[in-house]
Structure formats: C-alpha cells, structure tokens
C-alpha cells in the first residue's frame, strides 16, 4: 500500500502543474482553455467535409489530438498535423501517439508561427480573440479551397459556407 503513495503524490503534482499552467495561459495570455471536442461531434463534422485522398489536415490547439485521431481513421491517406503549445498536453499526446503507432505529426509550437500554406482542412476549437487573429493568418497563408472549421467561434474575416448545430453548439464551415 505504501508504494502507491509516491505514485498518487506524483499524479497530484502533475495535475496541479497542469491546472496552474492552464489558469495562467487562459487568464494572463488569452489562450483558449483546454476543452476537448467529443467523438460524436467530430464524426458529424468530418461527414460534412469533402477532401482529397492525400489532403493535409491541421488541428490548431490540438490538446490530445482527438479530432486528428478520428480524421486519420476516416481519411487514412491524409497527412494529419496537430499543433499544441502547452507542454503538458503536448507530452501526453506525443506518448499516446507513439503507443498507438499513429501517423499524426505533432508539433510543440505556437500555431501563429507555423506556415499553413499546404493546409487543405483546418479545425479549431479556440476562442473569439484567437479566431479573429487566425482569420488574418488564414487570409495571408491559406491557398484557395482550404476549408476552415471552427467550433463555437466565428472567423469574422470570412462568411461561413454553412453552420450546423451539434449538442447546442454551432460549428462554422468556411472555404478560402
């Protein structure tokens, strides 16, 4: 029984560090909080998109890369790239991807600093301020035909092609 105490203590320390980091990033840096999209929503969203066999799919602020896991199964020839800036989520996701032998490429980076010119589909579940800044980035970098999907938050620079409601939350679809 005593051998479990260090493991429990370590888990509590890791959880505390994650919580403090999240609090700091949300309230002082303006980042979006870590909220995963559920499987049902992801499946419905992916049923709405039309992409080629070898498309490049990005998930910005990917957290545990749940969207990409499902996209990788649905579009097995596509290249899936997740971008996560929070070290703890990045490490957890990286380990999980290795254990699952996933082809998802995970980047520990600020998504404002990566080049999106090769993106065919971009999924985001962020916040209003971030989507407004990303809208400018999309205008500058994305090629014509790139599909942008944003859960709950509009991209004000673009007119949405369609909006669907899943579990009382809007999902916005755009095409550059």
Foldseek 3Di string as FASTA:
>chain_A
DVVCVVVVVVVVVLVVVVVVVQVCCCPPVVWFHDDDDDPVVLVVVVVPDDDDLAAEEEEEQCQLVPSVVVVCVVRVNYAYEYEHQDVVSQVVNVVVCVVVVHNYHYHNDHVVPDACQRHQEYEYEIDAVVLQVVLVSCVPGYDFNRKYKYKQYDNVVFDFPDWDADPNTIITIHTD
